Amino acid sequence: MPGADWRRSLTPKVAVVTDSIACLTREQVERYGIAVIPINFFAGGKLYKDWVDITPSQAYELFLKDPDSFKTAAASPEDCLHAFRQASQLAQNILCVTVSVKLSTVYNVAQRARELAKEELPGVVIEVLDSRTAAPAEGFVALAGARAAAEGKELIEVTRAASEVRDKVNCIVLLDTIRHVYRSGRIPKIASQVGSILNIRPILIVSEMVHFATAVRSRHHGIERILEIMRDKVGQRQVHVAVMHAYAQEEGERLKERVAAEFNCAELWLTEFSPVMGYACGTGTVGIAFYPED
C-alpha cells in the first residue's frame, strides 16, 4: 500500500481507488497510496487476478501459448470492497475511478460494492466516477484525483480535479495485428483473419468506447500517424503523456524517446497495456494517452 512519500504527507482527507485497467505503475500506486481493484481473467482454464496473481508480461506469455483459452471475467463486488477497505485505512472519503461503463461492468460493480460498504464501513463516504476511457488515460484521471488528495483537498475538490482531466484526456492505440479484434465483438472473426493476412494495423481511439480511426500497413506509418494526431491536439502546449505497450518493451521505449524529443512533456511515463484489454488487441500493441496543460 502507501509508500514513504505518502506517509510523509499530511493525513489525507480522501483516498483514491481505481481498477487495474488504468495501467498505473507500481511506483505511482505506492507513491499516492492508490488501492487497485484487480480485473479477473482466465488463461488455460485457470482464473487469475490482474496485478495480484500475475504481471502483464506473464499474462501475455500465457496468451501467446493459447490465445483461445484467454477470456476476461468481471470484477467482483468483493474485490471492490477489499479495495475500499484498504482505502478506508487512509481516509474517511474515497474516490473510485473506473474504466468506462461502456467498456466494462466495473463501474456498476463498484456501485454495488459501495452499497455493501455502507454497512461494513459506516461513516466512509464513497464516490464512484466513470472515467469514460481506459488504459493510462483512465490512469491519468485517477492520478489527478490522487494528486489533489495528496494536497489535502476535500472529496468534492478531488472529484473535480479528476473530472477536469477526464474531460481532456486522449487515448490512441496502434495494433500490431487485427487478428484478435473479433474478441471485442465489434467485427466478425473472418474479417479479423483477412485483415491479419493483409497486414492491416488498426489505429483505435478510446473515448467512452473504442473507435476505429484509421488503418496502416506498417508499424512505422502507424507511429507517425498517432504522433501526428497527438500533435494536432496539443500543438505547442505542455503535455502529460503515458506510453503503453503490450509485451513490446523495446517498441514502447522507442516511442517514449520520440515523444520526449518532439513534445514539451510535463510528465512522461511508460507502462504495460492491461492484458484484460490486450486479449483483443494482441501483443505488439503500443499507444499513448495524453492531455495538454490549459
C-alpha atoms as a PDB file:
ATOM      1  CA  MET A   1       0.000   0.000   0.000  1.00  0.00           C
ATOM      2  CA  PRO A   2       1.304   3.509   0.730  1.00  0.00           C
ATOM      3  CA  GLY A   3       4.954   4.271   0.178  1.00  0.00           C
ATOM      4  CA  ALA A   4       7.231   6.547   2.147  1.00  0.00           C
ATOM      5  CA  ASP A   5       6.267   9.655   0.160  1.00  0.00           C
ATOM      6  CA  TRP A   6       2.636   9.196   1.141  1.00  0.00           C
ATOM      7  CA  ARG A   7       3.411   8.656   4.836  1.00  0.00           C
ATOM      8  CA  ARG A   8       5.420  11.877   4.994  1.00  0.00           C
ATOM      9  CA  SER A   9       2.488  13.907   3.672  1.00  0.00           C
ATOM     10  CA  LEU A  10      -0.365  15.322   5.724  1.00  0.00           C
ATOM     11  CA  THR A  11      -3.097  12.904   6.724  1.00  0.00           C
ATOM     12  CA  PRO A  12      -5.298  12.820   3.615  1.00  0.00           C
ATOM     13  CA  LYS A  13      -8.987  13.577   3.636  1.00  0.00           C
ATOM     14  CA  VAL A  14      -9.535  11.420   0.544  1.00  0.00           C
ATOM     15  CA  ALA A  15      -8.119   8.110  -0.686  1.00  0.00           C
ATOM     16  CA  VAL A  16      -8.280   7.035  -4.329  1.00  0.00           C
ATOM     17  CA  VAL A  17      -9.239   3.654  -5.756  1.00  0.00           C
ATOM     18  CA  THR A  18      -9.054   2.579  -9.394  1.00  0.00           C
ATOM     19  CA  ASP A  19      -9.036  -0.670 -11.357  1.00  0.00           C
ATOM     20  CA  SER A  20      -6.110  -2.484 -12.937  1.00  0.00           C
ATOM     21  CA  ILE A  21      -7.191  -1.468 -16.455  1.00  0.00           C
ATOM     22  CA  ALA A  22      -5.871   2.025 -15.589  1.00  0.00           C
ATOM     23  CA  CYS A  23      -2.339   0.666 -16.184  1.00  0.00           C
ATOM     24  CA  LEU A  24      -0.766   2.654 -13.357  1.00  0.00           C
ATOM     25  CA  THR A  25       2.774   1.694 -12.472  1.00  0.00           C
ATOM     26  CA  ARG A  26       3.681   0.162  -9.124  1.00  0.00           C
ATOM     27  CA  GLU A  27       5.640   3.307  -8.293  1.00  0.00           C
ATOM     28  CA  GLN A  28       2.610   5.548  -8.860  1.00  0.00           C
ATOM     29  CA  VAL A  29       0.363   3.337  -6.772  1.00  0.00           C
ATOM     30  CA  GLU A  30       2.898   3.277  -3.938  1.00  0.00           C
ATOM     31  CA  ARG A  31       3.572   6.993  -4.092  1.00  0.00           C
ATOM     32  CA  TYR A  32      -0.054   8.068  -3.839  1.00  0.00           C
ATOM     33  CA  GLY A  33      -1.462   5.180  -1.786  1.00  0.00           C
ATOM     34  CA  ILE A  34      -3.912   4.182  -4.546  1.00  0.00           C
ATOM     35  CA  ALA A  35      -5.851   0.964  -3.980  1.00  0.00           C
ATOM     36  CA  VAL A  36      -6.296  -1.133  -7.144  1.00  0.00           C
ATOM     37  CA  ILE A  37      -9.290  -3.328  -7.980  1.00  0.00           C
ATOM     38  CA  PRO A  38      -7.940  -6.348  -9.885  1.00  0.00           C
ATOM     39  CA  ILE A  39      -9.809  -7.449 -13.013  1.00  0.00           C
ATOM     40  CA  ASN A  40     -10.189 -11.196 -13.450  1.00  0.00           C
ATOM     41  CA  PHE A  41      -9.317 -13.264 -16.498  1.00  0.00           C
ATOM     42  CA  PHE A  42      -8.977 -16.924 -17.434  1.00  0.00           C
ATOM     43  CA  ALA A  43      -5.947 -18.453 -19.156  1.00  0.00           C
ATOM     44  CA  GLY A  44      -5.545 -22.164 -19.699  1.00  0.00           C
ATOM     45  CA  GLY A  45      -8.671 -22.782 -17.637  1.00  0.00           C
ATOM     46  CA  LYS A  46      -7.217 -21.046 -14.570  1.00  0.00           C
ATOM     47  CA  LEU A  47      -8.550 -17.844 -13.003  1.00  0.00           C
ATOM     48  CA  TYR A  48      -6.059 -15.003 -12.482  1.00  0.00           C
ATOM     49  CA  LYS A  49      -6.414 -11.615 -10.842  1.00  0.00           C
ATOM     50  CA  ASP A  50      -4.645  -8.879 -12.778  1.00  0.00           C
ATOM     51  CA  TRP A  51      -1.970  -7.206 -10.615  1.00  0.00           C
ATOM     52  CA  VAL A  52      -2.389  -9.790  -7.835  1.00  0.00           C
ATOM     53  CA  ASP A  53      -1.524 -13.236  -9.210  1.00  0.00           C
ATOM     54  CA  ILE A  54       0.360 -12.287 -12.341  1.00  0.00           C
ATOM     55  CA  THR A  55       2.226  -9.498 -14.123  1.00  0.00           C
ATOM     56  CA  PRO A  56       1.124  -8.245 -17.553  1.00  0.00           C
ATOM     57  CA  SER A  57       4.218  -9.794 -19.183  1.00  0.00           C
ATOM     58  CA  GLN A  58       3.426 -13.181 -17.630  1.00  0.00           C
ATOM     59  CA  ALA A  59      -0.181 -12.858 -18.777  1.00  0.00           C
ATOM     60  CA  TYR A  60       0.909 -12.137 -22.359  1.00  0.00           C
ATOM     61  CA  GLU A  61       3.185 -15.190 -22.304  1.00  0.00           C
ATOM     62  CA  LEU A  62       0.146 -17.305 -21.402  1.00  0.00           C
ATOM     63  CA  PHE A  63      -1.832 -15.551 -24.122  1.00  0.00           C
ATOM     64  CA  LEU A  64       0.797 -16.365 -26.763  1.00  0.00           C
ATOM     65  CA  LYS A  65       0.773 -20.045 -25.768  1.00  0.00           C
ATOM     66  CA  ASP A  66      -3.001 -20.407 -26.114  1.00  0.00           C
ATOM     67  CA  PRO A  67      -4.913 -17.285 -27.246  1.00  0.00           C
ATOM     68  CA  ASP A  68      -8.237 -19.100 -27.471  1.00  0.00           C
ATOM     69  CA  SER A  69      -8.175 -20.020 -23.772  1.00  0.00           C
ATOM     70  CA  PHE A  70      -7.718 -16.380 -22.721  1.00  0.00           C
ATOM     71  CA  LYS A  71     -11.003 -14.868 -21.544  1.00  0.00           C
ATOM     72  CA  THR A  72     -11.899 -11.937 -19.336  1.00  0.00           C
ATOM     73  CA  ALA A  73     -14.199 -12.094 -16.316  1.00  0.00           C
ATOM     74  CA  ALA A  74     -15.958  -9.336 -14.423  1.00  0.00           C
ATOM     75  CA  ALA A  75     -14.514  -7.830 -11.282  1.00  0.00           C
ATOM     76  CA  SER A  76     -16.371  -8.975  -8.183  1.00  0.00           C
ATOM     77  CA  PRO A  77     -18.054  -6.786  -5.547  1.00  0.00           C
ATOM     78  CA  GLU A  78     -15.747  -8.440  -3.004  1.00  0.00           C
ATOM     79  CA  ASP A  79     -12.673  -7.277  -4.949  1.00  0.00           C
ATOM     80  CA  CYS A  80     -14.092  -3.741  -4.908  1.00  0.00           C
ATOM     81  CA  LEU A  81     -14.924  -3.996  -1.214  1.00  0.00           C
ATOM     82  CA  HIS A  82     -11.393  -5.146  -0.466  1.00  0.00           C
ATOM     83  CA  ALA A  83     -10.024  -2.054  -2.232  1.00  0.00           C
ATOM     84  CA  PHE A  84     -12.475   0.154  -0.310  1.00  0.00           C
ATOM     85  CA  ARG A  85     -11.324  -1.419   2.957  1.00  0.00           C
ATOM     86  CA  GLN A  86      -7.713  -0.641   2.076  1.00  0.00           C
ATOM     87  CA  ALA A  87      -8.554   2.931   1.130  1.00  0.00           C
ATOM     88  CA  SER A  88     -10.624   3.459   4.299  1.00  0.00           C
ATOM     89  CA  GLN A  89      -7.479   2.854   6.357  1.00  0.00           C
ATOM     90  CA  LEU A  90      -6.101   6.070   4.853  1.00  0.00           C
ATOM     91  CA  ALA A  91      -9.138   8.342   4.758  1.00  0.00           C
ATOM     92  CA  GLN A  92     -12.838   8.567   5.518  1.00  0.00           C
ATOM     93  CA  ASN A  93     -13.624   9.672   1.974  1.00  0.00           C
ATOM     94  CA  ILE A  94     -12.941   7.586  -1.143  1.00  0.00           C
ATOM     95  CA  LEU A  95     -12.946   8.437  -4.833  1.00  0.00           C
ATOM     96  CA  CYS A  96     -13.186   5.329  -7.008  1.00  0.00           C
ATOM     97  CA  VAL A  97     -12.258   5.912 -10.667  1.00  0.00           C
ATOM     98  CA  THR A  98     -13.345   3.142 -13.044  1.00  0.00           C
ATOM     99  CA  VAL A  99     -12.876   2.175 -16.662  1.00  0.00           C
ATOM    100  CA  SER A 100     -15.622   3.461 -18.980  1.00  0.00           C
ATOM    101  CA  VAL A 101     -19.016   1.969 -18.162  1.00  0.00           C
ATOM    102  CA  LYS A 102     -19.452   1.374 -21.914  1.00  0.00           C
ATOM    103  CA  LEU A 103     -16.420  -0.929 -21.959  1.00  0.00           C
ATOM    104  CA  SER A 104     -16.765  -2.865 -18.719  1.00  0.00           C
ATOM    105  CA  THR A 105     -19.044  -3.671 -15.786  1.00  0.00           C
ATOM    106  CA  VAL A 106     -16.529  -2.344 -13.229  1.00  0.00           C
ATOM    107  CA  TYR A 107     -18.459   0.898 -12.667  1.00  0.00           C
ATOM    108  CA  ASN A 108     -21.678  -0.961 -11.911  1.00  0.00           C
ATOM    109  CA  VAL A 109     -19.887  -3.488  -9.694  1.00  0.00           C
ATOM    110  CA  ALA A 110     -18.244  -0.652  -7.765  1.00  0.00           C
ATOM    111  CA  GLN A 111     -21.640   0.957  -7.253  1.00  0.00           C
ATOM    112  CA  ARG A 112     -22.944  -2.309  -5.775  1.00  0.00           C
ATOM    113  CA  ALA A 113     -19.873  -2.580  -3.564  1.00  0.00           C
ATOM    114  CA  ARG A 114     -20.469   0.987  -2.375  1.00  0.00           C
ATOM    115  CA  GLU A 115     -23.926  -0.017  -1.173  1.00  0.00           C
ATOM    116  CA  LEU A 116     -22.472  -3.023   0.663  1.00  0.00           C
ATOM    117  CA  ALA A 117     -19.817  -0.786   2.216  1.00  0.00           C
ATOM    118  CA  LYS A 118     -22.440   1.421   3.873  1.00  0.00           C
ATOM    119  CA  GLU A 119     -22.993  -1.328   6.447  1.00  0.00           C
ATOM    120  CA  GLU A 120     -19.409  -2.573   6.750  1.00  0.00           C
ATOM    121  CA  LEU A 121     -17.685   0.827   6.650  1.00  0.00           C
ATOM    122  CA  PRO A 122     -20.050   3.239   8.432  1.00  0.00           C
ATOM    123  CA  GLY A 123     -19.019   6.837   8.128  1.00  0.00           C
ATOM    124  CA  VAL A 124     -16.962   6.248   4.977  1.00  0.00           C
ATOM    125  CA  VAL A 125     -18.168   8.284   2.004  1.00  0.00           C
ATOM    126  CA  ILE A 126     -17.520   6.691  -1.411  1.00  0.00           C
ATOM    127  CA  GLU A 127     -17.854   8.480  -4.748  1.00  0.00           C
ATOM    128  CA  VAL A 128     -17.670   6.359  -7.933  1.00  0.00           C
ATOM    129  CA  LEU A 129     -16.552   8.201 -11.070  1.00  0.00           C
ATOM    130  CA  ASP A 130     -16.789   6.803 -14.602  1.00  0.00           C
ATOM    131  CA  SER A 131     -13.529   7.827 -16.324  1.00  0.00           C
ATOM    132  CA  ARG A 132     -15.223   7.454 -19.733  1.00  0.00           C
ATOM    133  CA  THR A 133     -11.977   5.983 -21.022  1.00  0.00           C
ATOM    134  CA  ALA A 134      -9.484   3.191 -20.312  1.00  0.00           C
ATOM    135  CA  ALA A 135      -5.804   2.256 -20.081  1.00  0.00           C
ATOM    136  CA  PRO A 136      -3.396   5.045 -18.985  1.00  0.00           C
ATOM    137  CA  ALA A 137      -5.994   7.674 -19.941  1.00  0.00           C
ATOM    138  CA  GLU A 138      -8.053   6.287 -17.062  1.00  0.00           C
ATOM    139  CA  GLY A 139      -4.841   6.246 -15.046  1.00  0.00           C
ATOM    140  CA  PHE A 140      -4.415   9.975 -15.589  1.00  0.00           C
ATOM    141  CA  VAL A 141      -7.932  10.594 -14.236  1.00  0.00           C
ATOM    142  CA  ALA A 142      -7.114   8.579 -11.112  1.00  0.00           C
ATOM    143  CA  LEU A 143      -3.738  10.325 -10.735  1.00  0.00           C
ATOM    144  CA  ALA A 144      -5.372  13.757 -10.926  1.00  0.00           C
ATOM    145  CA  GLY A 145      -7.622  12.773  -8.035  1.00  0.00           C
ATOM    146  CA  ALA A 146      -4.754  11.253  -6.077  1.00  0.00           C
ATOM    147  CA  ARG A 147      -2.587  14.344  -6.526  1.00  0.00           C
ATOM    148  CA  ALA A 148      -5.396  16.596  -5.320  1.00  0.00           C
ATOM    149  CA  ALA A 149      -5.908  14.280  -2.341  1.00  0.00           C
ATOM    150  CA  ALA A 150      -2.179  14.475  -1.532  1.00  0.00           C
ATOM    151  CA  GLU A 151      -2.616  18.253  -1.280  1.00  0.00           C
ATOM    152  CA  GLY A 152      -5.235  17.773   1.420  1.00  0.00           C
ATOM    153  CA  LYS A 153      -8.229  18.630  -0.771  1.00  0.00           C
ATOM    154  CA  GLU A 154     -11.817  17.713   0.150  1.00  0.00           C
ATOM    155  CA  LEU A 155     -13.723  14.970  -1.723  1.00  0.00           C
ATOM    156  CA  ILE A 156     -15.619  17.445  -3.891  1.00  0.00           C
ATOM    157  CA  GLU A 157     -12.336  19.094  -4.957  1.00  0.00           C
ATOM    158  CA  VAL A 158     -10.622  15.751  -5.570  1.00  0.00           C
ATOM    159  CA  THR A 159     -13.557  14.627  -7.725  1.00  0.00           C
ATOM    160  CA  ARG A 160     -13.474  17.930  -9.611  1.00  0.00           C
ATOM    161  CA  ALA A 161      -9.751  17.567 -10.332  1.00  0.00           C
ATOM    162  CA  ALA A 162     -10.289  14.054 -11.688  1.00  0.00           C
ATOM    163  CA  SER A 163     -13.280  15.168 -13.767  1.00  0.00           C
ATOM    164  CA  GLU A 164     -11.330  18.044 -15.319  1.00  0.00           C
ATOM    165  CA  VAL A 165      -8.658  15.658 -16.578  1.00  0.00           C
ATOM    166  CA  ARG A 166     -11.339  13.208 -17.726  1.00  0.00           C
ATOM    167  CA  ASP A 167     -12.735  15.914 -19.991  1.00  0.00           C
ATOM    168  CA  LYS A 168      -9.453  16.469 -21.848  1.00  0.00           C
ATOM    169  CA  VAL A 169      -7.518  13.195 -21.800  1.00  0.00           C
ATOM    170  CA  ASN A 170      -6.962  11.237 -25.036  1.00  0.00           C
ATOM    171  CA  CYS A 171      -6.028   7.624 -25.735  1.00  0.00           C
ATOM    172  CA  ILE A 172      -4.714   6.331 -29.081  1.00  0.00           C
ATOM    173  CA  VAL A 173      -3.711   2.713 -29.673  1.00  0.00           C
ATOM    174  CA  LEU A 174      -1.842   1.121 -32.600  1.00  0.00           C
ATOM    175  CA  LEU A 175      -2.388  -2.620 -33.004  1.00  0.00           C
ATOM    176  CA  ASP A 176       0.343  -4.783 -34.491  1.00  0.00           C
ATOM    177  CA  THR A 177      -2.297  -7.168 -35.828  1.00  0.00           C
ATOM    178  CA  ILE A 178      -6.042  -7.208 -36.360  1.00  0.00           C
ATOM    179  CA  ARG A 179      -6.121 -10.961 -35.743  1.00  0.00           C
ATOM    180  CA  HIS A 180      -7.687 -10.855 -32.264  1.00  0.00           C
ATOM    181  CA  VAL A 181     -10.027  -7.869 -32.568  1.00  0.00           C
ATOM    182  CA  TYR A 182     -13.043 -10.126 -33.153  1.00  0.00           C
ATOM    183  CA  ARG A 183     -12.871 -10.852 -29.401  1.00  0.00           C
ATOM    184  CA  SER A 184     -14.175  -7.337 -28.771  1.00  0.00           C
ATOM    185  CA  GLY A 185     -17.395  -8.305 -30.551  1.00  0.00           C
ATOM    186  CA  ARG A 186     -17.049  -5.378 -32.926  1.00  0.00           C
ATOM    187  CA  ILE A 187     -16.023  -7.187 -36.105  1.00  0.00           C
ATOM    188  CA  PRO A 188     -16.528 -10.788 -37.302  1.00  0.00           C
ATOM    189  CA  LYS A 189     -13.739 -13.327 -36.797  1.00  0.00           C
ATOM    190  CA  ILE A 190     -13.366 -13.878 -40.546  1.00  0.00           C
ATOM    191  CA  ALA A 191     -12.771 -10.130 -41.049  1.00  0.00           C
ATOM    192  CA  SER A 192     -10.028 -10.248 -38.405  1.00  0.00           C
ATOM    193  CA  GLN A 193      -8.398 -13.180 -40.164  1.00  0.00           C
ATOM    194  CA  VAL A 194      -8.497 -11.488 -43.575  1.00  0.00           C
ATOM    195  CA  GLY A 195      -7.170  -8.246 -42.102  1.00  0.00           C
ATOM    196  CA  SER A 196      -4.331 -10.151 -40.461  1.00  0.00           C
ATOM    197  CA  ILE A 197      -3.346 -11.757 -43.769  1.00  0.00           C
ATOM    198  CA  LEU A 198      -3.288  -8.306 -45.400  1.00  0.00           C
ATOM    199  CA  ASN A 199      -1.115  -6.950 -42.542  1.00  0.00           C
ATOM    200  CA  ILE A 200      -3.670  -4.290 -41.661  1.00  0.00           C
ATOM    201  CA  ARG A 201      -2.807  -2.480 -38.420  1.00  0.00           C
ATOM    202  CA  PRO A 202      -5.741  -0.524 -36.986  1.00  0.00           C
ATOM    203  CA  ILE A 203      -5.389   2.705 -35.039  1.00  0.00           C
ATOM    204  CA  LEU A 204      -8.039   2.956 -32.354  1.00  0.00           C
ATOM    205  CA  ILE A 205      -9.190   5.876 -30.233  1.00  0.00           C
ATOM    206  CA  VAL A 206     -10.667   5.218 -26.793  1.00  0.00           C
ATOM    207  CA  SER A 207     -13.359   7.722 -25.867  1.00  0.00           C
ATOM    208  CA  GLU A 208     -16.155   6.121 -23.809  1.00  0.00           C
ATOM    209  CA  MET A 209     -15.966   3.268 -26.305  1.00  0.00           C
ATOM    210  CA  VAL A 210     -13.269   2.039 -28.696  1.00  0.00           C
ATOM    211  CA  HIS A 211     -13.500   3.785 -32.077  1.00  0.00           C
ATOM    212  CA  PHE A 212     -11.736   2.891 -35.299  1.00  0.00           C
ATOM    213  CA  ALA A 213      -9.678   5.880 -36.509  1.00  0.00           C
ATOM    214  CA  THR A 214      -7.740   4.551 -39.489  1.00  0.00           C
ATOM    215  CA  ALA A 215      -5.515   1.675 -40.594  1.00  0.00           C
ATOM    216  CA  VAL A 216      -1.926   1.438 -41.769  1.00  0.00           C
ATOM    217  CA  ARG A 217       0.243  -1.252 -43.343  1.00  0.00           C
ATOM    218  CA  SER A 218       3.364  -0.811 -41.194  1.00  0.00           C
ATOM    219  CA  ARG A 219       4.302  -0.025 -37.606  1.00  0.00           C
ATOM    220  CA  HIS A 220       6.428   2.906 -38.820  1.00  0.00           C
ATOM    221  CA  HIS A 221       3.487   4.580 -40.536  1.00  0.00           C
ATOM    222  CA  GLY A 222       1.295   3.809 -37.536  1.00  0.00           C
ATOM    223  CA  ILE A 223       3.675   5.509 -35.112  1.00  0.00           C
ATOM    224  CA  GLU A 224       3.930   8.540 -37.391  1.00  0.00           C
ATOM    225  CA  ARG A 225       0.148   8.741 -37.584  1.00  0.00           C
ATOM    226  CA  ILE A 226      -0.542   8.547 -33.841  1.00  0.00           C
ATOM    227  CA  LEU A 227       2.119  11.200 -33.179  1.00  0.00           C
ATOM    228  CA  GLU A 228       0.510  13.366 -35.861  1.00  0.00           C
ATOM    229  CA  ILE A 229      -2.879  13.002 -34.169  1.00  0.00           C
ATOM    230  CA  MET A 230      -1.331  13.945 -30.834  1.00  0.00           C
ATOM    231  CA  ARG A 231       0.460  16.938 -32.362  1.00  0.00           C
ATOM    232  CA  ASP A 232      -2.804  18.202 -33.867  1.00  0.00           C
ATOM    233  CA  LYS A 233      -4.483  18.043 -30.456  1.00  0.00           C
ATOM    234  CA  VAL A 234      -1.792  19.579 -28.246  1.00  0.00           C
ATOM    235  CA  GLY A 235       0.111  21.944 -30.549  1.00  0.00           C
ATOM    236  CA  GLN A 236       2.906  23.676 -28.632  1.00  0.00           C
ATOM    237  CA  ARG A 237       1.311  23.282 -25.209  1.00  0.00           C
ATOM    238  CA  GLN A 238       2.938  21.363 -22.389  1.00  0.00           C
ATOM    239  CA  VAL A 239       1.536  17.850 -22.223  1.00  0.00           C
ATOM    240  CA  HIS A 240       1.201  14.929 -19.823  1.00  0.00           C
ATOM    241  CA  VAL A 241       1.936  11.648 -21.619  1.00  0.00           C
ATOM    242  CA  ALA A 242       1.877   7.934 -20.873  1.00  0.00           C
ATOM    243  CA  VAL A 243       3.245   5.447 -23.387  1.00  0.00           C
ATOM    244  CA  MET A 244       1.845   1.920 -23.237  1.00  0.00           C
ATOM    245  CA  HIS A 245       2.879  -1.376 -24.773  1.00  0.00           C
ATOM    246  CA  ALA A 246       1.637  -4.967 -24.814  1.00  0.00           C
ATOM    247  CA  TYR A 247       4.667  -7.270 -24.473  1.00  0.00           C
ATOM    248  CA  ALA A 248       6.695  -4.879 -26.635  1.00  0.00           C
ATOM    249  CA  GLN A 249       9.121  -3.206 -24.233  1.00  0.00           C
ATOM    250  CA  GLU A 250      11.639  -2.093 -26.862  1.00  0.00           C
ATOM    251  CA  GLU A 251       8.961  -0.564 -29.104  1.00  0.00           C
ATOM    252  CA  GLY A 252       7.496   1.189 -26.066  1.00  0.00           C
ATOM    253  CA  GLU A 253      10.889   2.603 -25.105  1.00  0.00           C
ATOM    254  CA  ARG A 254      11.474   3.883 -28.637  1.00  0.00           C
ATOM    255  CA  LEU A 255       8.061   5.543 -28.738  1.00  0.00           C
ATOM    256  CA  LYS A 256       8.738   7.153 -25.367  1.00  0.00           C
ATOM    257  CA  GLU A 257      12.016   8.552 -26.725  1.00  0.00           C
ATOM    258  CA  ARG A 258      10.194  10.008 -29.744  1.00  0.00           C
ATOM    259  CA  VAL A 259       7.619  11.675 -27.512  1.00  0.00           C
ATOM    260  CA  ALA A 260      10.320  13.095 -25.221  1.00  0.00           C
ATOM    261  CA  ALA A 261      12.187  14.526 -28.216  1.00  0.00           C
ATOM    262  CA  GLU A 262       9.194  16.001 -30.042  1.00  0.00           C
ATOM    263  CA  PHE A 263       6.880  17.280 -27.296  1.00  0.00           C
ATOM    264  CA  ASN A 264       7.119  19.555 -24.277  1.00  0.00           C
ATOM    265  CA  CYS A 265       6.297  16.956 -21.616  1.00  0.00           C
ATOM    266  CA  ALA A 266       5.209  17.933 -18.105  1.00  0.00           C
ATOM    267  CA  GLU A 267       5.414  14.224 -17.312  1.00  0.00           C
ATOM    268  CA  LEU A 268       6.160  11.115 -19.339  1.00  0.00           C
ATOM    269  CA  TRP A 269       5.957   7.507 -18.192  1.00  0.00           C
ATOM    270  CA  LEU A 270       5.956   4.030 -19.696  1.00  0.00           C
ATOM    271  CA  THR A 271       3.597   1.266 -18.674  1.00  0.00           C
ATOM    272  CA  GLU A 272       2.325  -2.133 -19.802  1.00  0.00           C
ATOM    273  CA  PHE A 273      -1.056  -2.332 -21.513  1.00  0.00           C
ATOM    274  CA  SER A 274      -3.514  -4.269 -19.368  1.00  0.00           C
ATOM    275  CA  PRO A 275      -3.880  -7.877 -20.606  1.00  0.00           C
ATOM    276  CA  VAL A 276      -7.587  -7.520 -19.865  1.00  0.00           C
ATOM    277  CA  MET A 277      -7.754  -5.224 -22.895  1.00  0.00           C
ATOM    278  CA  GLY A 278      -4.759  -6.742 -24.655  1.00  0.00           C
ATOM    279  CA  TYR A 279      -6.545 -10.043 -25.199  1.00  0.00           C
ATOM    280  CA  ALA A 280      -8.499  -8.331 -28.005  1.00  0.00           C
ATOM    281  CA  CYS A 281      -5.579  -6.219 -29.242  1.00  0.00           C
ATOM    282  CA  GLY A 282      -2.789  -8.775 -29.183  1.00  0.00           C
ATOM    283  CA  THR A 283       0.881  -8.483 -28.321  1.00  0.00           C
ATOM    284  CA  GLY A 284       2.916  -5.805 -30.074  1.00  0.00           C
ATOM    285  CA  THR A 285       0.274  -3.159 -29.384  1.00  0.00           C
ATOM    286  CA  VAL A 286       1.623   0.293 -28.498  1.00  0.00           C
ATOM    287  CA  GLY A 287      -0.154   3.530 -27.747  1.00  0.00           C
ATOM    288  CA  ILE A 288      -0.227   6.869 -25.998  1.00  0.00           C
ATOM    289  CA  ALA A 289      -2.515   8.558 -23.502  1.00  0.00           C
ATOM    290  CA  PHE A 290      -2.151  12.302 -23.060  1.00  0.00           C
ATOM    291  CA  TYR A 291      -3.696  15.579 -22.079  1.00  0.00           C
ATOM    292  CA  PRO A 292      -2.432  19.158 -22.542  1.00  0.00           C
ATOM    293  CA  GLU A 293      -1.973  21.812 -19.887  1.00  0.00           C
ATOM    294  CA  ASP A 294      -4.587  24.549 -20.115  1.00  0.00           C
END
